[in-house]
Structure formats: C-alpha cells, structure tokens
C-alpha cells in the first residue's frame, strides 16, 4: 500500500515514555533527500497590469474630456471620432489583459 503524502504518523513512544529517536532521525533524513521545487510567480510579465490599467484610464479620460469640453478637446479635428479613439484605448487594454497570468 502506498504511503500517504498528506498525513504523517506520530512517532512511536517506547515503554519508557521516550520517543523513538531512530525513527525521528530517519524522518529528517527523508526530508533532506527530497528536493524543494521553487515556483516562479513573476514569469516576466510584470508590465501587463500597469499597461492594461493605463490604457483603460487613458481611454476613459479621452472620452470624459471630449464630453466635458463639448467636442473642442482632445483633438478638435476628429469631431465625434474622439469617442472611437477613446474606446480604441479601452479595447487595447482588453487585448493587453489577455497576456496577464
């Protein structure tokens, strides 16, 4: 029957009331034999979240500025296409968000 990796058995207590030191030493040597696996949480994609949030904020700010200034800012020549530009920044933020792990 395979050994359980989840639950460990308690050390046996001998008749004198002391723990069996031989089993304790065996347990520590088993731990030394096992290799620890390092998990890399960074994965080199630290730029994704700040860029995504920046694109969302720029797109929202673009649309808000357009409405508040009644179409004279951010680019007067674009007219109502400024809304499309703002939503373009927001859509780019969603595209970048697919790279987030």
PDB file of N, CA and C in Angstrom:
ATOM      1  N   UNK A   1       0.840  -1.166   0.000  1.00  0.00           N
ATOM      2  CA  UNK A   1       0.000   0.000   0.000  1.00  0.00           C
ATOM      3  C   UNK A   1       0.897   1.245   0.000  1.00  0.00           C
ATOM      4  N   UNK A   2       0.617   2.230  -0.847  1.00  0.00           N
ATOM      5  CA  UNK A   2       1.473   3.421  -0.908  1.00  0.00           C
ATOM      6  C   UNK A   2       1.355   4.263   0.351  1.00  0.00           C
ATOM      7  N   UNK A   3       2.457   4.960   0.639  1.00  0.00           N
ATOM      8  CA  UNK A   3       2.471   5.817   1.821  1.00  0.00           C
ATOM      9  C   UNK A   3       1.682   7.085   1.542  1.00  0.00           C
ATOM     10  N   UNK A   4       1.037   7.588   2.559  1.00  0.00           N
ATOM     11  CA  UNK A   4       0.271   8.820   2.433  1.00  0.00           C
ATOM     12  C   UNK A   4       1.223  10.003   2.452  1.00  0.00           C
ATOM     13  N   UNK A   5       1.052  10.916   1.524  1.00  0.00           N
ATOM     14  CA  UNK A   5       1.883  12.111   1.487  1.00  0.00           C
ATOM     15  C   UNK A   5       1.236  13.256   2.253  1.00  0.00           C
ATOM     16  N   UNK A   6      -0.008  13.079   2.617  1.00  0.00           N
ATOM     17  CA  UNK A   6      -0.727  14.151   3.291  1.00  0.00           C
ATOM     18  C   UNK A   6      -0.571  14.042   4.800  1.00  0.00           C
ATOM     19  N   UNK A   7      -0.896  12.884   5.349  1.00  0.00           N
ATOM     20  CA  UNK A   7      -0.853  12.709   6.799  1.00  0.00           C
ATOM     21  C   UNK A   7       0.412  11.953   7.177  1.00  0.00           C
ATOM     22  N   UNK A   8       1.038  12.410   8.234  1.00  0.00           N
ATOM     23  CA  UNK A   8       2.217  11.744   8.772  1.00  0.00           C
ATOM     24  C   UNK A   8       1.826  11.039  10.064  1.00  0.00           C
ATOM     25  N   UNK A   9       2.392   9.868  10.288  1.00  0.00           N
ATOM     26  CA  UNK A   9       2.137   9.154  11.526  1.00  0.00           C
ATOM     27  C   UNK A   9       2.962   9.776  12.637  1.00  0.00           C
ATOM     28  N   UNK A  10       2.403   9.781  13.840  1.00  0.00           N
ATOM     29  CA  UNK A  10       3.133  10.274  15.003  1.00  0.00           C
ATOM     30  C   UNK A  10       4.245   9.291  15.348  1.00  0.00           C
ATOM     31  N   UNK A  11       5.335   9.835  15.934  1.00  0.00           N
ATOM     32  CA  UNK A  11       6.430   8.974  16.369  1.00  0.00           C
ATOM     33  C   UNK A  11       5.949   8.020  17.454  1.00  0.00           C
ATOM     34  N   UNK A  12       6.449   6.792  17.410  1.00  0.00           N
ATOM     35  CA  UNK A  12       6.071   5.808  18.412  1.00  0.00           C
ATOM     36  C   UNK A  12       6.705   6.161  19.750  1.00  0.00           C
ATOM     37  N   UNK A  13       5.985   5.893  20.804  1.00  0.00           N
ATOM     38  CA  UNK A  13       6.506   6.115  22.141  1.00  0.00           C
ATOM     39  C   UNK A  13       6.856   4.754  22.718  1.00  0.00           C
ATOM     40  N   UNK A  14       8.099   4.615  23.180  1.00  0.00           N
ATOM     41  CA  UNK A  14       8.527   3.334  23.734  1.00  0.00           C
ATOM     42  C   UNK A  14       7.958   3.152  25.137  1.00  0.00           C
ATOM     43  N   UNK A  15       8.227   2.012  25.723  1.00  0.00           N
ATOM     44  CA  UNK A  15       7.683   1.702  27.045  1.00  0.00           C
ATOM     45  C   UNK A  15       8.185   2.666  28.112  1.00  0.00           C
ATOM     46  N   UNK A  16       9.381   3.246  27.906  1.00  0.00           N
ATOM     47  CA  UNK A  16       9.917   4.159  28.923  1.00  0.00           C
ATOM     48  C   UNK A  16       9.326   5.560  28.807  1.00  0.00           C
ATOM     49  N   UNK A  17       8.514   5.808  27.793  1.00  0.00           N
ATOM     50  CA  UNK A  17       7.877   7.100  27.652  1.00  0.00           C
ATOM     51  C   UNK A  17       8.631   8.052  26.732  1.00  0.00           C
ATOM     52  N   UNK A  18       9.751   7.637  26.205  1.00  0.00           N
ATOM     53  CA  UNK A  18      10.523   8.476  25.286  1.00  0.00           C
ATOM     54  C   UNK A  18      10.162   8.150  23.848  1.00  0.00           C
ATOM     55  N   UNK A  19      10.301   9.152  22.998  1.00  0.00           N
ATOM     56  CA  UNK A  19      10.040   8.923  21.583  1.00  0.00           C
ATOM     57  C   UNK A  19      11.182   8.113  20.992  1.00  0.00           C
ATOM     58  N   UNK A  20      10.861   7.368  19.990  1.00  0.00           N
ATOM     59  CA  UNK A  20      11.856   6.558  19.325  1.00  0.00           C
ATOM     60  C   UNK A  20      12.735   7.477  18.473  1.00  0.00           C
ATOM     61  N   UNK A  21      13.968   7.730  18.910  1.00  0.00           N
ATOM     62  CA  UNK A  21      14.875   8.651  18.226  1.00  0.00           C
ATOM     63  C   UNK A  21      15.317   8.121  16.873  1.00  0.00           C
ATOM     64  N   UNK A  22      15.368   6.819  16.709  1.00  0.00           N
ATOM     65  CA  UNK A  22      15.802   6.257  15.432  1.00  0.00           C
ATOM     66  C   UNK A  22      14.817   6.619  14.332  1.00  0.00           C
ATOM     67  N   UNK A  23      13.533   6.551  14.633  1.00  0.00           N
ATOM     68  CA  UNK A  23      12.534   6.914  13.628  1.00  0.00           C
ATOM     69  C   UNK A  23      12.573   8.406  13.338  1.00  0.00           C
ATOM     70  N   UNK A  24      12.859   9.203  14.357  1.00  0.00           N
ATOM     71  CA  UNK A  24      12.938  10.652  14.160  1.00  0.00           C
ATOM     72  C   UNK A  24      14.096  10.999  13.246  1.00  0.00           C
ATOM     73  N   UNK A  25      15.234  10.333  13.442  1.00  0.00           N
ATOM     74  CA  UNK A  25      16.390  10.586  12.579  1.00  0.00           C
ATOM     75  C   UNK A  25      16.120  10.142  11.148  1.00  0.00           C
ATOM     76  N   UNK A  26      15.379   9.048  10.988  1.00  0.00           N
ATOM     77  CA  UNK A  26      15.019   8.594   9.641  1.00  0.00           C
ATOM     78  C   UNK A  26      14.121   9.605   8.952  1.00  0.00           C
ATOM     79  N   UNK A  27      13.214  10.216   9.697  1.00  0.00           N
ATOM     80  CA  UNK A  27      12.294  11.190   9.115  1.00  0.00           C
ATOM     81  C   UNK A  27      13.047  12.428   8.634  1.00  0.00           C
ATOM     82  N   UNK A  28      14.033  12.872   9.419  1.00  0.00           N
ATOM     83  CA  UNK A  28      14.783  14.062   8.996  1.00  0.00           C
ATOM     84  C   UNK A  28      15.652  13.750   7.793  1.00  0.00           C
ATOM     85  N   UNK A  29      16.182  12.537   7.704  1.00  0.00           N
ATOM     86  CA  UNK A  29      16.998  12.206   6.542  1.00  0.00           C
ATOM     87  C   UNK A  29      16.124  12.100   5.286  1.00  0.00           C
ATOM     88  N   UNK A  30      14.864  11.686   5.426  1.00  0.00           N
ATOM     89  CA  UNK A  30      13.951  11.643   4.285  1.00  0.00           C
ATOM     90  C   UNK A  30      13.665  13.044   3.776  1.00  0.00           C
ATOM     91  N   UNK A  31      13.528  14.002   4.712  1.00  0.00           N
ATOM     92  CA  UNK A  31      13.268  15.376   4.304  1.00  0.00           C
ATOM     93  C   UNK A  31      14.456  15.963   3.564  1.00  0.00           C
ATOM     94  N   UNK A  32      15.658  15.601   3.987  1.00  0.00           N
ATOM     95  CA  UNK A  32      16.855  16.109   3.326  1.00  0.00           C
ATOM     96  C   UNK A  32      16.975  15.554   1.911  1.00  0.00           C
ATOM     97  N   UNK A  33      16.477  14.342   1.702  1.00  0.00           N
ATOM     98  CA  UNK A  33      16.582  13.709   0.392  1.00  0.00           C
ATOM     99  C   UNK A  33      15.638  14.337  -0.631  1.00  0.00           C
ATOM    100  N   UNK A  34      14.510  14.841  -0.140  1.00  0.00           N
ATOM    101  CA  UNK A  34      13.527  15.423  -1.057  1.00  0.00           C
ATOM    102  C   UNK A  34      14.021  16.773  -1.552  1.00  0.00           C
ATOM    103  N   UNK A  35      13.867  17.017  -2.819  1.00  0.00           N
ATOM    104  CA  UNK A  35      14.265  18.304  -3.384  1.00  0.00           C
ATOM    105  C   UNK A  35      13.090  19.256  -3.339  1.00  0.00           C
ATOM    106  N   UNK A  36      13.382  20.514  -3.025  1.00  0.00           N
ATOM    107  CA  UNK A  36      12.337  21.517  -3.000  1.00  0.00           C
ATOM    108  C   UNK A  36      12.217  22.139  -4.377  1.00  0.00           C
ATOM    109  N   UNK A  37      10.988  22.365  -4.791  1.00  0.00           N
ATOM    110  CA  UNK A  37      10.724  22.979  -6.082  1.00  0.00           C
ATOM    111  C   UNK A  37      10.380  24.438  -5.871  1.00  0.00           C
ATOM    112  N   UNK A  38      11.102  25.310  -6.554  1.00  0.00           N
ATOM    113  CA  UNK A  38      10.844  26.738  -6.441  1.00  0.00           C
ATOM    114  C   UNK A  38       9.828  27.126  -7.507  1.00  0.00           C
ATOM    115  N   UNK A  39       8.776  27.814  -7.090  1.00  0.00           N
ATOM    116  CA  UNK A  39       7.739  28.254  -8.013  1.00  0.00           C
ATOM    117  C   UNK A  39       7.993  29.706  -8.362  1.00  0.00           C
ATOM    118  N   UNK A  40       8.106  29.995  -9.652  1.00  0.00           N
ATOM    119  CA  UNK A  40       8.357  31.357 -10.111  1.00  0.00           C
ATOM    120  C   UNK A  40       7.024  32.019 -10.401  1.00  0.00           C
ATOM    121  N   UNK A  41       6.628  32.954  -9.529  1.00  0.00           N
ATOM    122  CA  UNK A  41       5.353  33.634  -9.700  1.00  0.00           C
ATOM    123  C   UNK A  41       5.460  34.844 -10.615  1.00  0.00           C
ATOM    124  N   UNK A  42       6.662  35.343 -10.831  1.00  0.00           N
ATOM    125  CA  UNK A  42       6.829  36.553 -11.623  1.00  0.00           C
ATOM    126  C   UNK A  42       6.584  36.312 -13.103  1.00  0.00           C
ATOM    127  N   UNK A  43       7.185  35.326 -13.645  1.00  0.00           N
ATOM    128  CA  UNK A  43       7.090  34.901 -15.045  1.00  0.00           C
ATOM    129  C   UNK A  43       7.375  36.014 -16.046  1.00  0.00           C
ATOM    130  N   UNK A  44       7.964  37.122 -15.608  1.00  0.00           N
ATOM    131  CA  UNK A  44       8.410  38.167 -16.522  1.00  0.00           C
ATOM    132  C   UNK A  44       7.309  39.000 -17.157  1.00  0.00           C
ATOM    133  N   UNK A  45       6.128  38.967 -16.631  1.00  0.00           N
ATOM    134  CA  UNK A  45       5.021  39.744 -17.210  1.00  0.00           C
ATOM    135  C   UNK A  45       4.517  40.796 -16.236  1.00  0.00           C
ATOM    136  N   UNK A  46       5.444  41.469 -15.596  1.00  0.00           N
ATOM    137  CA  UNK A  46       5.066  42.496 -14.626  1.00  0.00           C
ATOM    138  C   UNK A  46       4.545  43.755 -15.303  1.00  0.00           C
ATOM    139  N   UNK A  47       4.738  43.900 -16.576  1.00  0.00           N
ATOM    140  CA  UNK A  47       4.330  45.095 -17.312  1.00  0.00           C
ATOM    141  C   UNK A  47       2.865  45.053 -17.720  1.00  0.00           C
ATOM    142  N   UNK A  48       2.237  43.904 -17.675  1.00  0.00           N
ATOM    143  CA  UNK A  48       0.894  43.747 -18.235  1.00  0.00           C
ATOM    144  C   UNK A  48      -0.154  44.532 -17.447  1.00  0.00           C
ATOM    145  N   UNK A  49      -0.193  44.355 -16.140  1.00  0.00           N
ATOM    146  CA  UNK A  49      -1.232  45.017 -15.342  1.00  0.00           C
ATOM    147  C   UNK A  49      -1.122  46.545 -15.388  1.00  0.00           C
ATOM    148  N   UNK A  50       0.083  47.124 -15.223  1.00  0.00           N
ATOM    149  CA  UNK A  50       0.153  48.588 -15.313  1.00  0.00           C
ATOM    150  C   UNK A  50      -0.230  49.133 -16.687  1.00  0.00           C
ATOM    151  N   UNK A  51       0.181  48.449 -17.754  1.00  0.00           N
ATOM    152  CA  UNK A  51      -0.165  48.902 -19.106  1.00  0.00           C
ATOM    153  C   UNK A  51      -1.663  48.791 -19.350  1.00  0.00           C
ATOM    154  N   UNK A  52      -2.256  47.687 -18.911  1.00  0.00           N
ATOM    155  CA  UNK A  52      -3.693  47.489 -19.086  1.00  0.00           C
ATOM    156  C   UNK A  52      -4.477  48.593 -18.378  1.00  0.00           C
ATOM    157  N   UNK A  53      -4.133  48.854 -17.125  1.00  0.00           N
ATOM    158  CA  UNK A  53      -4.833  49.893 -16.369  1.00  0.00           C
ATOM    159  C   UNK A  53      -4.606  51.276 -16.971  1.00  0.00           C
ATOM    160  N   UNK A  54      -3.377  51.524 -17.453  1.00  0.00           N
ATOM    161  CA  UNK A  54      -3.090  52.813 -18.080  1.00  0.00           C
ATOM    162  C   UNK A  54      -3.935  53.017 -19.337  1.00  0.00           C
ATOM    163  N   UNK A  55      -4.080  51.988 -20.146  1.00  0.00           N
ATOM    164  CA  UNK A  55      -4.900  52.099 -21.360  1.00  0.00           C
ATOM    165  C   UNK A  55      -6.373  52.334 -21.022  1.00  0.00           C
ATOM    166  N   UNK A  56      -6.864  51.645 -19.989  1.00  0.00           N
ATOM    167  CA  UNK A  56      -8.247  51.874 -19.554  1.00  0.00           C
ATOM    168  C   UNK A  56      -8.449  53.321 -19.117  1.00  0.00           C
ATOM    169  N   UNK A  57      -7.529  53.828 -18.311  1.00  0.00           N
ATOM    170  CA  UNK A  57      -7.663  55.192 -17.783  1.00  0.00           C
ATOM    171  C   UNK A  57      -7.530  56.224 -18.900  1.00  0.00           C
ATOM    172  N   UNK A  58      -6.593  56.014 -19.825  1.00  0.00           N
ATOM    173  CA  UNK A  58      -6.428  56.956 -20.941  1.00  0.00           C
ATOM    174  C   UNK A  58      -7.687  56.993 -21.800  1.00  0.00           C
ATOM    175  N   UNK A  59      -8.240  55.824 -22.101  1.00  0.00           N
ATOM    176  CA  UNK A  59      -9.463  55.773 -22.905  1.00  0.00           C
ATOM    177  C   UNK A  59     -10.631  56.445 -22.222  1.00  0.00           C
ATOM    178  N   UNK A  60     -10.792  56.188 -20.941  1.00  0.00           N
ATOM    179  CA  UNK A  60     -11.876  56.814 -20.188  1.00  0.00           C
ATOM    180  C   UNK A  60     -11.677  58.324 -20.104  1.00  0.00           C
ATOM    181  N   UNK A  61     -10.448  58.736 -19.826  1.00  0.00           N
ATOM    182  CA  UNK A  61     -10.160  60.170 -19.740  1.00  0.00           C
ATOM    183  C   UNK A  61     -10.395  60.862 -21.081  1.00  0.00           C
ATOM    184  N   UNK A  62     -10.027  60.207 -22.181  1.00  0.00           N
ATOM    185  CA  UNK A  62     -10.227  60.768 -23.517  1.00  0.00           C
ATOM    186  C   UNK A  62     -11.713  61.056 -23.760  1.00  0.00           C
ATOM    187  N   UNK A  63     -12.551  60.076 -23.436  1.00  0.00           N
ATOM    188  CA  UNK A  63     -13.995  60.240 -23.648  1.00  0.00           C
ATOM    189  C   UNK A  63     -14.571  61.302 -22.720  1.00  0.00           C
ATOM    190  N   UNK A  64     -14.154  61.308 -21.458  1.00  0.00           N
ATOM    191  CA  UNK A  64     -14.665  62.293 -20.497  1.00  0.00           C
ATOM    192  C   UNK A  64     -14.261  63.702 -20.916  1.00  0.00           C
ATOM    193  N   UNK A  65     -13.005  63.871 -21.317  1.00  0.00           N
ATOM    194  CA  UNK A  65     -12.553  65.202 -21.756  1.00  0.00           C
ATOM    195  C   UNK A  65     -13.339  65.651 -22.981  1.00  0.00           C
ATOM    196  N   UNK A  66     -13.610  64.745 -23.896  1.00  0.00           N
ATOM    197  CA  UNK A  66     -14.387  65.086 -25.088  1.00  0.00           C
ATOM    198  C   UNK A  66     -15.777  65.598 -24.707  1.00  0.00           C
ATOM    199  N   UNK A  67     -16.437  64.901 -23.779  1.00  0.00           N
ATOM    200  CA  UNK A  67     -17.787  65.318 -23.387  1.00  0.00           C
ATOM    201  C   UNK A  67     -17.783  66.600 -22.560  1.00  0.00           C
ATOM    202  N   UNK A  68     -16.823  66.736 -21.662  1.00  0.00           N
ATOM    203  CA  UNK A  68     -16.784  67.907 -20.787  1.00  0.00           C
ATOM    204  C   UNK A  68     -16.491  69.179 -21.586  1.00  0.00           C
ATOM    205  N   UNK A  69     -15.605  69.092 -22.563  1.00  0.00           N
ATOM    206  CA  UNK A  69     -15.255  70.277 -23.366  1.00  0.00           C
ATOM    207  C   UNK A  69     -16.195  70.476 -24.548  1.00  0.00           C
ATOM    208  N   UNK A  70     -17.221  69.693 -24.644  1.00  0.00           N
ATOM    209  CA  UNK A  70     -18.227  69.761 -25.714  1.00  0.00           C
ATOM    210  C   UNK A  70     -17.603  69.641 -27.104  1.00  0.00           C
ATOM    211  N   UNK A  71     -16.611  68.743 -27.212  1.00  0.00           N
ATOM    212  CA  UNK A  71     -16.041  68.412 -28.515  1.00  0.00           C
ATOM    213  C   UNK A  71     -14.855  69.238 -28.942  1.00  0.00           C
ATOM    214  N   UNK A  72     -14.415  70.217 -28.156  1.00  0.00           N
ATOM    215  CA  UNK A  72     -13.273  71.026 -28.589  1.00  0.00           C
ATOM    216  C   UNK A  72     -11.928  70.377 -28.237  1.00  0.00           C
ATOM    217  N   UNK A  73     -11.901  69.504 -27.280  1.00  0.00           N
ATOM    218  CA  UNK A  73     -10.687  68.768 -26.909  1.00  0.00           C
ATOM    219  C   UNK A  73     -11.011  67.295 -26.920  1.00  0.00           C
ATOM    220  N   UNK A  74     -10.138  66.367 -26.952  1.00  0.00           N
ATOM    221  CA  UNK A  74      -8.693  66.416 -27.065  1.00  0.00           C
ATOM    222  C   UNK A  74      -8.206  66.747 -28.472  1.00  0.00           C
ATOM    223  N   UNK A  75      -8.875  66.281 -29.534  1.00  0.00           N
ATOM    224  CA  UNK A  75      -8.483  66.635 -30.906  1.00  0.00           C
ATOM    225  C   UNK A  75      -9.727  67.185 -31.591  1.00  0.00           C
ATOM    226  N   UNK A  76      -9.710  68.471 -31.833  1.00  0.00           N
ATOM    227  CA  UNK A  76     -10.893  69.140 -32.397  1.00  0.00           C
ATOM    228  C   UNK A  76     -11.209  68.654 -33.806  1.00  0.00           C
ATOM    229  N   UNK A  77     -10.190  68.320 -34.583  1.00  0.00           N
ATOM    230  CA  UNK A  77     -10.395  67.928 -35.977  1.00  0.00           C
ATOM    231  C   UNK A  77     -11.106  66.580 -36.111  1.00  0.00           C
ATOM    232  N   UNK A  78     -11.008  65.740 -35.096  1.00  0.00           N
ATOM    233  CA  UNK A  78     -11.637  64.416 -35.180  1.00  0.00           C
ATOM    234  C   UNK A  78     -13.145  64.470 -34.955  1.00  0.00           C
ATOM    235  N   UNK A  79     -13.600  65.462 -34.257  1.00  0.00           N
ATOM    236  CA  UNK A  79     -15.038  65.571 -34.006  1.00  0.00           C
ATOM    237  C   UNK A  79     -15.529  64.420 -33.145  1.00  0.00           C
ATOM    238  N   UNK A  80     -16.619  63.776 -33.591  1.00  0.00           N
ATOM    239  CA  UNK A  80     -17.191  62.664 -32.823  1.00  0.00           C
ATOM    240  C   UNK A  80     -16.343  61.396 -32.887  1.00  0.00           C
ATOM    241  N   UNK A  81     -15.345  61.367 -33.739  1.00  0.00           N
ATOM    242  CA  UNK A  81     -14.438  60.218 -33.804  1.00  0.00           C
ATOM    243  C   UNK A  81     -13.568  60.128 -32.545  1.00  0.00           C
ATOM    244  N   UNK A  82     -13.554  61.179 -31.743  1.00  0.00           N
ATOM    245  CA  UNK A  82     -12.833  61.120 -30.474  1.00  0.00           C
ATOM    246  C   UNK A  82     -13.389  60.015 -29.569  1.00  0.00           C
ATOM    247  N   UNK A  83     -14.674  59.750 -29.680  1.00  0.00           N
ATOM    248  CA  UNK A  83     -15.275  58.664 -28.890  1.00  0.00           C
ATOM    249  C   UNK A  83     -14.701  57.323 -29.337  1.00  0.00           C
ATOM    250  N   UNK A  84     -14.551  57.160 -30.639  1.00  0.00           N
ATOM    251  CA  UNK A  84     -13.981  55.911 -31.169  1.00  0.00           C
ATOM    252  C   UNK A  84     -12.536  55.746 -30.699  1.00  0.00           C
ATOM    253  N   UNK A  85     -11.779  56.855 -30.677  1.00  0.00           N
ATOM    254  CA  UNK A  85     -10.392  56.788 -30.206  1.00  0.00           C
ATOM    255  C   UNK A  85     -10.355  56.367 -28.732  1.00  0.00           C
ATOM    256  N   UNK A  86     -11.224  56.936 -27.916  1.00  0.00           N
ATOM    257  CA  UNK A  86     -11.293  56.561 -26.501  1.00  0.00           C
ATOM    258  C   UNK A  86     -11.627  55.097 -26.311  1.00  0.00           C
ATOM    259  N   UNK A  87     -12.626  54.621 -27.056  1.00  0.00           N
ATOM    260  CA  UNK A  87     -12.963  53.201 -26.971  1.00  0.00           C
ATOM    261  C   UNK A  87     -11.856  52.325 -27.554  1.00  0.00           C
ATOM    262  N   UNK A  88     -11.091  52.856 -28.484  1.00  0.00           N
ATOM    263  CA  UNK A  88      -9.928  52.121 -29.018  1.00  0.00           C
ATOM    264  C   UNK A  88      -8.890  51.869 -27.935  1.00  0.00           C
ATOM    265  N   UNK A  89      -8.625  52.897 -27.103  1.00  0.00           N
ATOM    266  CA  UNK A  89      -7.695  52.704 -25.986  1.00  0.00           C
ATOM    267  C   UNK A  89      -8.227  51.662 -25.011  1.00  0.00           C
ATOM    268  N   UNK A  90      -9.513  51.712 -24.738  1.00  0.00           N
ATOM    269  CA  UNK A  90     -10.111  50.737 -23.818  1.00  0.00           C
ATOM    270  C   UNK A  90     -10.037  49.327 -24.418  1.00  0.00           C
ATOM    271  N   UNK A  91     -10.305  49.196 -25.707  1.00  0.00           N
ATOM    272  CA  UNK A  91     -10.208  47.884 -26.364  1.00  0.00           C
ATOM    273  C   UNK A  91      -8.772  47.372 -26.339  1.00  0.00           C
ATOM    274  N   UNK A  92      -7.808  48.270 -26.532  1.00  0.00           N
ATOM    275  CA  UNK A  92      -6.400  47.861 -26.451  1.00  0.00           C
ATOM    276  C   UNK A  92      -6.064  47.367 -25.050  1.00  0.00           C
ATOM    277  N   UNK A  93      -6.669  47.973 -24.034  1.00  0.00           N
ATOM    278  CA  UNK A  93      -6.484  47.495 -22.664  1.00  0.00           C
ATOM    279  C   UNK A  93      -6.997  46.082 -22.484  1.00  0.00           C
ATOM    280  N   UNK A  94      -8.138  45.782 -23.105  1.00  0.00           N
ATOM    281  CA  UNK A  94      -8.651  44.411 -23.033  1.00  0.00           C
ATOM    282  C   UNK A  94      -7.761  43.431 -23.797  1.00  0.00           C
ATOM    283  N   UNK A  95      -7.188  43.859 -24.899  1.00  0.00           N
ATOM    284  CA  UNK A  95      -6.274  42.989 -25.651  1.00  0.00           C
ATOM    285  C   UNK A  95      -5.034  42.693 -24.808  1.00  0.00           C
ATOM    286  N   UNK A  96      -4.494  43.709 -24.144  1.00  0.00           N
ATOM    287  CA  UNK A  96      -3.322  43.508 -23.288  1.00  0.00           C
ATOM    288  C   UNK A  96      -3.673  42.607 -22.112  1.00  0.00           C
ATOM    289  N   UNK A  97      -4.900  42.684 -21.624  1.00  0.00           N
ATOM    290  CA  UNK A  97      -5.289  41.878 -20.461  1.00  0.00           C
ATOM    291  C   UNK A  97      -5.248  40.377 -20.747  1.00  0.00           C
ATOM    292  N   UNK A  98      -5.294  39.987 -22.005  1.00  0.00           N
ATOM    293  CA  UNK A  98      -5.215  38.554 -22.328  1.00  0.00           C
ATOM    294  C   UNK A  98      -3.816  37.994 -22.076  1.00  0.00           C
ATOM    295  N   UNK A  99      -2.825  38.850 -21.896  1.00  0.00           N
ATOM    296  CA  UNK A  99      -1.463  38.407 -21.616  1.00  0.00           C
ATOM    297  C   UNK A  99      -1.187  38.253 -20.132  1.00  0.00           C
ATOM    298  N   UNK A 100      -2.164  38.607 -19.300  1.00  0.00           N
ATOM    299  CA  UNK A 100      -1.975  38.575 -17.846  1.00  0.00           C
ATOM    300  C   UNK A 100      -2.070  37.144 -17.350  1.00  0.00           C
ATOM    301  N   UNK A 101      -1.095  36.727 -16.528  1.00  0.00           N
ATOM    302  CA  UNK A 101      -1.129  35.381 -15.953  1.00  0.00           C
ATOM    303  C   UNK A 101      -1.192  35.467 -14.463  1.00  0.00           C
TER     304      UNK A 101
END
